[in-house]
Amino acid sequence: MEPTVVTHAAAAADLTMLKAIGAGLAACGMIGAGIGLGIVFGKFFEAVGRQPAAENILKTYLFIGMALVEAIALFAFVIAIMVMFVL
């Protein structure tokens, strides 16, 4: 059985393909952030609907929760970009 010869172009194409798959998997974290934002805003509107007087107090918690969920999306985006262009 003869050994298979791998050219430089074929190896580079395989590496590019694996980078794209890795970046796509890393970007899946942004899906969770979108779901999390929907839950945060949904619960905020639900709470304000039940007790409108607490709206100003709940806005603070809304923005803190929104910032934490968005941070997860930004981390996923940065990791996807690093996988694609740095590694």
C-alpha atoms as a PDB file:
ATOM      1  CA  MET A   1       0.000   0.000   0.000  1.00  0.00           C
ATOM      2  CA  GLU A   2       1.422   3.339  -1.077  1.00  0.00           C
ATOM      3  CA  PRO A   3       1.629   6.256   1.378  1.00  0.00           C
ATOM      4  CA  THR A   4      -0.702   9.149   0.647  1.00  0.00           C
ATOM      5  CA  VAL A   5       0.982  12.361  -0.409  1.00  0.00           C
ATOM      6  CA  VAL A   6      -0.554  15.489   1.102  1.00  0.00           C
ATOM      7  CA  THR A   7       0.219  18.724  -0.661  1.00  0.00           C
ATOM      8  CA  HIS A   8       0.642  22.038   1.082  1.00  0.00           C
ATOM      9  CA  ALA A   9      -2.531  23.392  -0.549  1.00  0.00           C
ATOM     10  CA  ALA A  10      -4.621  20.480   0.713  1.00  0.00           C
ATOM     11  CA  ALA A  11      -3.283  20.860   4.262  1.00  0.00           C
ATOM     12  CA  ALA A  12      -3.992  24.601   4.205  1.00  0.00           C
ATOM     13  CA  ALA A  13      -7.539  23.969   2.985  1.00  0.00           C
ATOM     14  CA  ASP A  14      -8.096  21.482   5.806  1.00  0.00           C
ATOM     15  CA  LEU A  15      -6.791  23.980   8.362  1.00  0.00           C
ATOM     16  CA  THR A  16      -9.037  26.732   7.004  1.00  0.00           C
ATOM     17  CA  MET A  17     -12.026  24.421   7.161  1.00  0.00           C
ATOM     18  CA  LEU A  18     -11.264  23.453  10.764  1.00  0.00           C
ATOM     19  CA  LYS A  19     -10.850  27.115  11.717  1.00  0.00           C
ATOM     20  CA  ALA A  20     -14.270  27.933  10.259  1.00  0.00           C
ATOM     21  CA  ILE A  21     -15.873  25.061  12.153  1.00  0.00           C
ATOM     22  CA  GLY A  22     -14.183  26.149  15.387  1.00  0.00           C
ATOM     23  CA  ALA A  23     -15.262  29.769  14.916  1.00  0.00           C
ATOM     24  CA  GLY A  24     -18.821  28.665  14.230  1.00  0.00           C
ATOM     25  CA  LEU A  25     -18.895  26.556  17.379  1.00  0.00           C
ATOM     26  CA  ALA A  26     -17.467  29.440  19.424  1.00  0.00           C
ATOM     27  CA  ALA A  27     -20.101  31.787  18.001  1.00  0.00           C
ATOM     28  CA  CYS A  28     -22.873  29.492  19.251  1.00  0.00           C
ATOM     29  CA  GLY A  29     -22.483  31.232  22.598  1.00  0.00           C
ATOM     30  CA  MET A  30     -24.216  34.230  21.064  1.00  0.00           C
ATOM     31  CA  ILE A  31     -27.390  32.177  20.676  1.00  0.00           C
ATOM     32  CA  GLY A  32     -27.517  31.726  24.422  1.00  0.00           C
ATOM     33  CA  ALA A  33     -27.042  35.459  24.905  1.00  0.00           C
ATOM     34  CA  GLY A  34     -30.024  36.186  22.681  1.00  0.00           C
ATOM     35  CA  ILE A  35     -32.171  33.765  24.628  1.00  0.00           C
ATOM     36  CA  GLY A  36     -30.920  35.270  27.892  1.00  0.00           C
ATOM     37  CA  LEU A  37     -31.810  38.794  26.783  1.00  0.00           C
ATOM     38  CA  GLY A  38     -35.298  37.655  25.888  1.00  0.00           C
ATOM     39  CA  ILE A  39     -35.738  36.126  29.321  1.00  0.00           C
ATOM     40  CA  VAL A  40     -34.371  39.213  31.112  1.00  0.00           C
ATOM     41  CA  PHE A  41     -36.664  41.618  29.268  1.00  0.00           C
ATOM     42  CA  GLY A  42     -39.649  39.286  29.505  1.00  0.00           C
ATOM     43  CA  LYS A  43     -39.294  38.980  33.263  1.00  0.00           C
ATOM     44  CA  PHE A  44     -38.858  42.752  33.565  1.00  0.00           C
ATOM     45  CA  PHE A  45     -42.084  43.461  31.710  1.00  0.00           C
ATOM     46  CA  GLU A  46     -43.848  40.760  33.693  1.00  0.00           C
ATOM     47  CA  ALA A  47     -42.724  42.317  36.985  1.00  0.00           C
ATOM     48  CA  VAL A  48     -43.660  45.845  35.899  1.00  0.00           C
ATOM     49  CA  GLY A  49     -47.045  44.587  34.786  1.00  0.00           C
ATOM     50  CA  ARG A  50     -47.675  43.152  38.227  1.00  0.00           C
ATOM     51  CA  GLN A  51     -46.303  46.119  40.180  1.00  0.00           C
ATOM     52  CA  PRO A  52     -45.898  49.307  38.116  1.00  0.00           C
ATOM     53  CA  ALA A  53     -44.648  51.307  41.098  1.00  0.00           C
ATOM     54  CA  ALA A  54     -41.451  49.241  41.218  1.00  0.00           C
ATOM     55  CA  GLU A  55     -40.426  50.103  37.655  1.00  0.00           C
ATOM     56  CA  ASN A  56     -37.625  52.522  38.598  1.00  0.00           C
ATOM     57  CA  ILE A  57     -36.105  50.050  41.064  1.00  0.00           C
ATOM     58  CA  LEU A  58     -36.301  47.189  38.572  1.00  0.00           C
ATOM     59  CA  LYS A  59     -34.664  49.214  35.781  1.00  0.00           C
ATOM     60  CA  THR A  60     -31.365  49.071  37.644  1.00  0.00           C
ATOM     61  CA  TYR A  61     -31.520  45.286  37.814  1.00  0.00           C
ATOM     62  CA  LEU A  62     -32.604  45.152  34.177  1.00  0.00           C
ATOM     63  CA  PHE A  63     -29.539  47.038  32.992  1.00  0.00           C
ATOM     64  CA  ILE A  64     -27.181  45.000  35.178  1.00  0.00           C
ATOM     65  CA  GLY A  65     -28.631  41.743  33.874  1.00  0.00           C
ATOM     66  CA  MET A  66     -28.563  43.007  30.303  1.00  0.00           C
ATOM     67  CA  ALA A  67     -24.899  44.014  30.620  1.00  0.00           C
ATOM     68  CA  LEU A  68     -23.915  40.619  32.010  1.00  0.00           C
ATOM     69  CA  VAL A  69     -25.706  38.750  29.247  1.00  0.00           C
ATOM     70  CA  GLU A  70     -24.198  41.006  26.566  1.00  0.00           C
ATOM     71  CA  ALA A  71     -20.732  40.416  28.035  1.00  0.00           C
ATOM     72  CA  ILE A  72     -21.157  36.700  27.369  1.00  0.00           C
ATOM     73  CA  ALA A  73     -22.056  37.444  23.746  1.00  0.00           C
ATOM     74  CA  LEU A  74     -19.010  39.689  23.353  1.00  0.00           C
ATOM     75  CA  PHE A  75     -16.735  37.004  24.815  1.00  0.00           C
ATOM     76  CA  ALA A  76     -18.123  34.455  22.363  1.00  0.00           C
ATOM     77  CA  PHE A  77     -17.601  36.886  19.470  1.00  0.00           C
ATOM     78  CA  VAL A  78     -13.997  37.641  20.489  1.00  0.00           C
ATOM     79  CA  ILE A  79     -13.174  33.952  20.830  1.00  0.00           C
ATOM     80  CA  ALA A  80     -14.682  33.237  17.395  1.00  0.00           C
ATOM     81  CA  ILE A  81     -12.607  36.025  15.830  1.00  0.00           C
ATOM     82  CA  MET A  82      -9.466  34.780  17.578  1.00  0.00           C
ATOM     83  CA  VAL A  83     -10.045  31.240  16.341  1.00  0.00           C
ATOM     84  CA  MET A  84     -10.584  32.476  12.807  1.00  0.00           C
ATOM     85  CA  PHE A  85      -7.730  34.958  12.450  1.00  0.00           C
ATOM     86  CA  VAL A  86      -5.139  34.455  15.211  1.00  0.00           C
ATOM     87  CA  LEU A  87      -4.736  30.706  15.644  1.00  0.00           C
END
